[in-house]
C-alpha cells in the first residue's frame, strides 16, 4: 500500500500546481475582460450621441475579445485536465512497478532463507 499512497500524494501535489496555474491565468483573463469592458463603456460614452454605430462598435469589439478569452479558458481547462489525468496514470504505473519490485524482493528473501533438506 505504501507505493500507492506515496504516488497518490505526489500526483495530488502536481494536480494542485496545475489548478493553481489555471486559476492564475483565468483571473488574469478576467482582469483583462474588466479593463476592456471599462474601455468599451468609456468609448461608447465619449462617442457622438448621433453616431450609435461607434458605440455599438466598441461593444462588438469587447464581445469579440470576450469570446476569445472564453475560448482560451476552455482550451486551458481541457489541457489541464489532460495533464492531471497523466499525473494520476503515471503515479498508478509507478506505484504498480514499485509494488511488483517490492514483492519480488520479498519473494527472493523468503526463497533464500529456505532451509536445505538434509
N, C-alpha and C. Protein backbone atom coordinates (compact mmCIF):
# COMPACT_ATOMS: atom_id res chain seq x y z
N UNK A 1 0.81 -1.20 0.00
CA UNK A 1 0.00 0.00 0.00
C UNK A 1 0.86 1.27 0.00
N UNK A 2 2.06 1.20 0.55
CA UNK A 2 2.92 2.38 0.65
C UNK A 2 3.22 3.01 -0.72
N UNK A 3 3.59 2.24 -1.76
CA UNK A 3 3.86 2.87 -3.05
C UNK A 3 2.63 3.60 -3.61
N UNK A 4 1.44 3.02 -3.43
CA UNK A 4 0.24 3.66 -3.94
C UNK A 4 -0.03 4.99 -3.22
N UNK A 5 0.13 5.00 -1.92
CA UNK A 5 -0.11 6.23 -1.15
C UNK A 5 0.91 7.30 -1.50
N UNK A 6 2.17 6.88 -1.63
CA UNK A 6 3.22 7.84 -1.98
C UNK A 6 2.94 8.47 -3.34
N UNK A 7 2.58 7.64 -4.32
CA UNK A 7 2.31 8.15 -5.66
C UNK A 7 1.02 8.98 -5.69
N UNK A 8 0.04 8.60 -4.89
CA UNK A 8 -1.21 9.37 -4.80
C UNK A 8 -0.91 10.80 -4.38
N UNK A 9 -0.11 10.95 -3.32
CA UNK A 9 0.18 12.29 -2.81
C UNK A 9 1.09 13.08 -3.74
N UNK A 10 1.98 12.39 -4.44
CA UNK A 10 2.80 13.08 -5.45
C UNK A 10 1.91 13.61 -6.57
N UNK A 11 0.94 12.79 -7.00
CA UNK A 11 0.01 13.23 -8.05
C UNK A 11 -0.83 14.40 -7.56
N UNK A 12 -1.26 14.35 -6.29
CA UNK A 12 -2.05 15.45 -5.72
C UNK A 12 -1.27 16.76 -5.77
N UNK A 13 -0.01 16.68 -5.44
CA UNK A 13 0.85 17.87 -5.45
C UNK A 13 0.91 18.47 -6.86
N UNK A 14 1.08 17.62 -7.86
CA UNK A 14 1.15 18.08 -9.24
C UNK A 14 -0.20 18.63 -9.71
N UNK A 15 -1.29 17.99 -9.32
CA UNK A 15 -2.62 18.45 -9.70
C UNK A 15 -2.91 19.81 -9.08
N UNK A 16 -2.51 20.00 -7.84
CA UNK A 16 -2.70 21.31 -7.20
C UNK A 16 -1.92 22.40 -7.93
N UNK A 17 -0.71 22.08 -8.35
CA UNK A 17 0.09 23.06 -9.11
C UNK A 17 -0.59 23.39 -10.44
N UNK A 18 -1.14 22.38 -11.09
CA UNK A 18 -1.86 22.60 -12.36
C UNK A 18 -3.08 23.50 -12.14
N UNK A 19 -3.85 23.23 -11.10
CA UNK A 19 -5.04 24.02 -10.81
C UNK A 19 -4.68 25.46 -10.46
N UNK A 20 -3.59 25.62 -9.73
CA UNK A 20 -3.14 26.96 -9.36
C UNK A 20 -2.74 27.76 -10.59
N UNK A 21 -2.02 27.14 -11.51
CA UNK A 21 -1.61 27.83 -12.74
C UNK A 21 -2.84 28.18 -13.57
N UNK A 22 -3.80 27.25 -13.68
CA UNK A 22 -5.02 27.54 -14.43
C UNK A 22 -5.75 28.73 -13.82
N UNK A 23 -5.92 28.72 -12.50
CA UNK A 23 -6.63 29.80 -11.82
C UNK A 23 -5.93 31.14 -12.03
N UNK A 24 -4.61 31.13 -11.97
CA UNK A 24 -3.84 32.37 -12.19
C UNK A 24 -4.13 32.93 -13.58
N UNK A 25 -4.10 32.07 -14.60
CA UNK A 25 -4.37 32.53 -15.97
C UNK A 25 -5.82 32.97 -16.12
N UNK A 26 -6.74 32.24 -15.50
CA UNK A 26 -8.16 32.57 -15.58
C UNK A 26 -8.42 33.96 -15.00
N UNK A 27 -7.85 34.22 -13.81
CA UNK A 27 -8.03 35.54 -13.19
C UNK A 27 -7.38 36.64 -14.03
N UNK A 28 -6.26 36.37 -14.63
CA UNK A 28 -5.62 37.37 -15.50
C UNK A 28 -6.55 37.72 -16.66
N UNK A 29 -7.21 36.70 -17.24
CA UNK A 29 -8.16 36.97 -18.32
C UNK A 29 -9.37 37.74 -17.83
N UNK A 30 -9.84 37.47 -16.60
CA UNK A 30 -10.98 38.20 -16.05
C UNK A 30 -10.61 39.67 -15.82
N UNK A 31 -9.39 39.91 -15.36
CA UNK A 31 -8.94 41.30 -15.19
C UNK A 31 -8.90 42.01 -16.54
N UNK A 32 -8.39 41.31 -17.55
CA UNK A 32 -8.36 41.90 -18.90
C UNK A 32 -9.78 42.17 -19.39
N UNK A 33 -10.71 41.29 -19.10
CA UNK A 33 -12.10 41.48 -19.51
C UNK A 33 -12.70 42.71 -18.85
N UNK A 34 -12.42 42.89 -17.58
CA UNK A 34 -12.95 44.05 -16.85
C UNK A 34 -12.39 45.35 -17.43
N UNK A 35 -11.08 45.34 -17.68
CA UNK A 35 -10.46 46.55 -18.25
C UNK A 35 -11.01 46.85 -19.64
N UNK A 36 -11.18 45.82 -20.46
CA UNK A 36 -11.69 46.07 -21.81
C UNK A 36 -13.17 46.47 -21.79
N UNK A 37 -13.94 45.97 -20.82
CA UNK A 37 -15.35 46.40 -20.68
C UNK A 37 -15.41 47.87 -20.29
N UNK A 38 -14.55 48.26 -19.37
CA UNK A 38 -14.50 49.66 -18.96
C UNK A 38 -14.12 50.55 -20.14
N UNK A 39 -13.14 50.10 -20.92
CA UNK A 39 -12.71 50.85 -22.09
C UNK A 39 -13.86 50.98 -23.10
N UNK A 40 -14.64 49.91 -23.30
CA UNK A 40 -15.77 49.94 -24.22
C UNK A 40 -16.84 50.91 -23.73
N UNK A 41 -17.09 50.90 -22.43
CA UNK A 41 -18.07 51.83 -21.87
C UNK A 41 -17.62 53.28 -22.04
N UNK A 42 -16.34 53.52 -21.80
CA UNK A 42 -15.81 54.88 -21.98
C UNK A 42 -15.90 55.31 -23.44
N UNK A 43 -15.57 54.40 -24.36
CA UNK A 43 -15.65 54.73 -25.78
C UNK A 43 -17.09 55.00 -26.19
N UNK A 44 -18.03 54.23 -25.68
CA UNK A 44 -19.44 54.44 -26.01
C UNK A 44 -19.93 55.77 -25.43
N UNK A 45 -19.49 56.09 -24.21
CA UNK A 45 -19.92 57.34 -23.58
C UNK A 45 -19.34 58.55 -24.28
N UNK A 46 -18.13 58.41 -24.82
CA UNK A 46 -17.47 59.53 -25.48
C UNK A 46 -17.88 59.68 -26.94
N UNK A 47 -18.58 58.69 -27.46
CA UNK A 47 -18.99 58.75 -28.87
C UNK A 47 -20.04 59.84 -29.07
N UNK A 48 -20.09 60.33 -30.26
CA UNK A 48 -21.09 61.33 -30.63
C UNK A 48 -22.48 60.70 -30.44
N UNK A 49 -23.36 61.36 -29.70
CA UNK A 49 -24.68 60.78 -29.45
C UNK A 49 -25.47 60.45 -30.73
N UNK A 50 -25.15 61.11 -31.79
CA UNK A 50 -25.86 60.83 -33.05
C UNK A 50 -25.22 59.69 -33.82
N UNK A 51 -24.06 59.21 -33.33
CA UNK A 51 -23.35 58.12 -34.01
C UNK A 51 -23.45 56.84 -33.17
N UNK A 52 -24.58 56.18 -33.25
CA UNK A 52 -24.80 54.95 -32.48
C UNK A 52 -23.87 53.83 -32.94
N UNK A 53 -23.44 53.90 -34.20
CA UNK A 53 -22.58 52.85 -34.74
C UNK A 53 -21.25 52.80 -33.99
N UNK A 54 -20.70 53.94 -33.62
CA UNK A 54 -19.43 53.97 -32.89
C UNK A 54 -19.57 53.29 -31.52
N UNK A 55 -20.67 53.57 -30.84
CA UNK A 55 -20.90 52.95 -29.54
C UNK A 55 -21.09 51.44 -29.69
N UNK A 56 -21.85 51.03 -30.68
CA UNK A 56 -22.08 49.61 -30.91
C UNK A 56 -20.78 48.91 -31.31
N UNK A 57 -19.93 49.58 -32.06
CA UNK A 57 -18.65 49.01 -32.47
C UNK A 57 -17.77 48.74 -31.26
N UNK A 58 -17.76 49.65 -30.29
CA UNK A 58 -16.96 49.47 -29.08
C UNK A 58 -17.40 48.21 -28.33
N UNK A 59 -18.71 48.02 -28.23
CA UNK A 59 -19.21 46.83 -27.53
C UNK A 59 -19.01 45.56 -28.35
N UNK A 60 -19.08 45.67 -29.65
CA UNK A 60 -18.84 44.49 -30.50
C UNK A 60 -17.40 44.03 -30.35
N UNK A 61 -16.48 44.99 -30.34
CA UNK A 61 -15.07 44.64 -30.15
C UNK A 61 -14.84 43.98 -28.80
N UNK A 62 -15.49 44.50 -27.75
CA UNK A 62 -15.35 43.91 -26.42
C UNK A 62 -15.90 42.49 -26.41
N UNK A 63 -17.04 42.27 -27.05
CA UNK A 63 -17.62 40.93 -27.10
C UNK A 63 -16.72 39.96 -27.86
N UNK A 64 -16.11 40.43 -28.93
CA UNK A 64 -15.20 39.55 -29.70
C UNK A 64 -14.01 39.15 -28.83
N UNK A 65 -13.46 40.09 -28.09
CA UNK A 65 -12.33 39.78 -27.20
C UNK A 65 -12.78 38.84 -26.08
N UNK A 66 -14.00 39.02 -25.60
CA UNK A 66 -14.53 38.14 -24.54
C UNK A 66 -14.67 36.72 -25.06
N UNK A 67 -15.13 36.57 -26.29
CA UNK A 67 -15.27 35.23 -26.88
C UNK A 67 -13.90 34.57 -26.99
N UNK A 68 -12.88 35.34 -27.35
CA UNK A 68 -11.52 34.80 -27.42
C UNK A 68 -11.04 34.35 -26.03
N UNK A 69 -11.35 35.15 -25.02
CA UNK A 69 -10.94 34.78 -23.65
C UNK A 69 -11.65 33.50 -23.20
N UNK A 70 -12.92 33.38 -23.51
CA UNK A 70 -13.66 32.17 -23.12
C UNK A 70 -13.11 30.95 -23.86
N UNK A 71 -12.74 31.12 -25.12
CA UNK A 71 -12.13 30.01 -25.86
C UNK A 71 -10.82 29.59 -25.21
N UNK A 72 -10.06 30.57 -24.78
CA UNK A 72 -8.79 30.28 -24.09
C UNK A 72 -9.05 29.57 -22.76
N UNK A 73 -10.11 29.97 -22.05
CA UNK A 73 -10.49 29.29 -20.81
C UNK A 73 -10.73 27.81 -21.07
N UNK A 74 -11.53 27.52 -22.09
CA UNK A 74 -11.88 26.13 -22.41
C UNK A 74 -10.64 25.35 -22.82
N UNK A 75 -9.80 25.95 -23.68
CA UNK A 75 -8.59 25.26 -24.13
C UNK A 75 -7.68 24.95 -22.95
N UNK A 76 -7.45 25.92 -22.08
CA UNK A 76 -6.58 25.69 -20.93
C UNK A 76 -7.19 24.68 -19.97
N UNK A 77 -8.52 24.70 -19.80
CA UNK A 77 -9.19 23.75 -18.92
C UNK A 77 -8.98 22.31 -19.41
N UNK A 78 -9.20 22.12 -20.72
CA UNK A 78 -9.05 20.78 -21.30
C UNK A 78 -7.59 20.32 -21.20
N UNK A 79 -6.66 21.23 -21.48
CA UNK A 79 -5.24 20.88 -21.36
C UNK A 79 -4.89 20.50 -19.92
N UNK A 80 -5.41 21.27 -18.96
CA UNK A 80 -5.12 20.99 -17.56
C UNK A 80 -5.68 19.62 -17.16
N UNK A 81 -6.90 19.32 -17.57
CA UNK A 81 -7.48 18.02 -17.23
C UNK A 81 -6.66 16.88 -17.81
N UNK A 82 -6.17 17.05 -19.03
CA UNK A 82 -5.33 16.01 -19.64
C UNK A 82 -4.04 15.81 -18.87
N UNK A 83 -3.42 16.91 -18.47
CA UNK A 83 -2.18 16.79 -17.69
C UNK A 83 -2.44 16.14 -16.33
N UNK A 84 -3.56 16.52 -15.69
CA UNK A 84 -3.90 15.93 -14.38
C UNK A 84 -4.13 14.43 -14.52
N UNK A 85 -4.85 14.03 -15.55
CA UNK A 85 -5.07 12.60 -15.78
C UNK A 85 -3.74 11.90 -16.01
N UNK A 86 -2.83 12.55 -16.72
CA UNK A 86 -1.50 11.98 -16.93
C UNK A 86 -0.74 11.81 -15.63
N UNK A 87 -0.85 12.79 -14.73
CA UNK A 87 -0.17 12.67 -13.43
C UNK A 87 -0.71 11.47 -12.65
N UNK A 88 -2.03 11.29 -12.68
CA UNK A 88 -2.64 10.17 -11.95
C UNK A 88 -2.20 8.84 -12.57
N UNK A 89 -2.26 8.75 -13.89
CA UNK A 89 -1.90 7.50 -14.55
C UNK A 89 -0.42 7.17 -14.35
N UNK A 90 0.43 8.16 -14.45
CA UNK A 90 1.86 7.94 -14.22
C UNK A 90 2.10 7.45 -12.81
N UNK A 91 1.40 8.04 -11.84
CA UNK A 91 1.52 7.60 -10.46
C UNK A 91 1.07 6.16 -10.27
N UNK A 92 -0.03 5.79 -10.94
CA UNK A 92 -0.52 4.42 -10.84
C UNK A 92 0.48 3.42 -11.41
N UNK A 93 1.03 3.75 -12.56
CA UNK A 93 2.01 2.85 -13.19
C UNK A 93 3.26 2.74 -12.32
N UNK A 94 3.73 3.87 -11.82
CA UNK A 94 4.92 3.86 -10.97
C UNK A 94 4.66 3.06 -9.69
N UNK A 95 3.50 3.27 -9.08
CA UNK A 95 3.17 2.53 -7.85
C UNK A 95 3.09 1.04 -8.13
N UNK A 96 2.51 0.66 -9.26
CA UNK A 96 2.44 -0.75 -9.62
C UNK A 96 3.81 -1.36 -9.78
N UNK A 97 4.70 -0.63 -10.45
CA UNK A 97 6.07 -1.12 -10.65
C UNK A 97 6.80 -1.24 -9.31
N UNK A 98 6.63 -0.24 -8.44
CA UNK A 98 7.29 -0.30 -7.13
C UNK A 98 6.76 -1.46 -6.30
N UNK A 99 5.45 -1.69 -6.36
CA UNK A 99 4.85 -2.81 -5.63
C UNK A 99 5.39 -4.14 -6.14
N UNK A 100 5.47 -4.27 -7.44
CA UNK A 100 5.99 -5.50 -8.04
C UNK A 100 7.44 -5.73 -7.63
N UNK A 101 8.26 -4.70 -7.66
CA UNK A 101 9.66 -4.83 -7.24
C UNK A 101 9.75 -5.25 -5.78
N UNK A 102 8.90 -4.66 -4.95
CA UNK A 102 8.90 -5.00 -3.52
C UNK A 102 8.50 -6.45 -3.31
N UNK A 103 7.50 -6.92 -4.02
CA UNK A 103 7.07 -8.31 -3.91
C UNK A 103 8.16 -9.27 -4.40
N UNK A 104 8.85 -8.89 -5.46
CA UNK A 104 9.93 -9.74 -5.97
C UNK A 104 11.07 -9.81 -4.96
N UNK A 105 11.39 -8.69 -4.33
CA UNK A 105 12.44 -8.67 -3.30
C UNK A 105 12.05 -9.56 -2.12
N UNK A 106 10.82 -9.39 -1.67
CA UNK A 106 10.36 -10.21 -0.53
C UNK A 106 10.34 -11.69 -0.90
N UNK A 107 9.92 -12.00 -2.11
CA UNK A 107 9.91 -13.39 -2.56
C UNK A 107 11.32 -13.97 -2.61
N UNK A 108 12.27 -13.18 -3.09
CA UNK A 108 13.66 -13.64 -3.16
C UNK A 108 14.22 -13.86 -1.77
N UNK A 109 13.86 -12.98 -0.82
CA UNK A 109 14.34 -13.14 0.56
C UNK A 109 13.76 -14.40 1.18
N UNK A 110 12.48 -14.66 0.95
CA UNK A 110 11.86 -15.87 1.50
C UNK A 110 12.50 -17.11 0.92
N UNK A 111 12.77 -17.08 -0.35
CA UNK A 111 13.36 -18.24 -1.02
C UNK A 111 14.80 -18.46 -0.55
N UNK A 112 15.54 -17.38 -0.30
CA UNK A 112 16.94 -17.53 0.12
C UNK A 112 17.06 -18.02 1.56
N UNK A 113 16.03 -17.83 2.38
CA UNK A 113 16.08 -18.28 3.76
C UNK A 113 15.54 -19.71 3.93
N UNK A 114 15.15 -20.32 2.88
CA UNK A 114 14.62 -21.69 2.94
C UNK A 114 15.74 -22.66 3.30
N UNK A 115 15.48 -23.51 4.24
CA UNK A 115 16.48 -24.49 4.69
C UNK A 115 16.66 -25.59 3.66
N UNK A 116 17.90 -26.04 3.50
CA UNK A 116 18.19 -27.15 2.61
C UNK A 116 17.93 -28.43 3.34
N UNK A 117 17.13 -29.35 2.75
CA UNK A 117 16.87 -30.61 3.45
C UNK A 117 18.16 -31.43 3.59
N UNK A 118 18.24 -32.16 4.65
CA UNK A 118 19.43 -32.94 4.93
C UNK A 118 19.23 -34.37 4.50
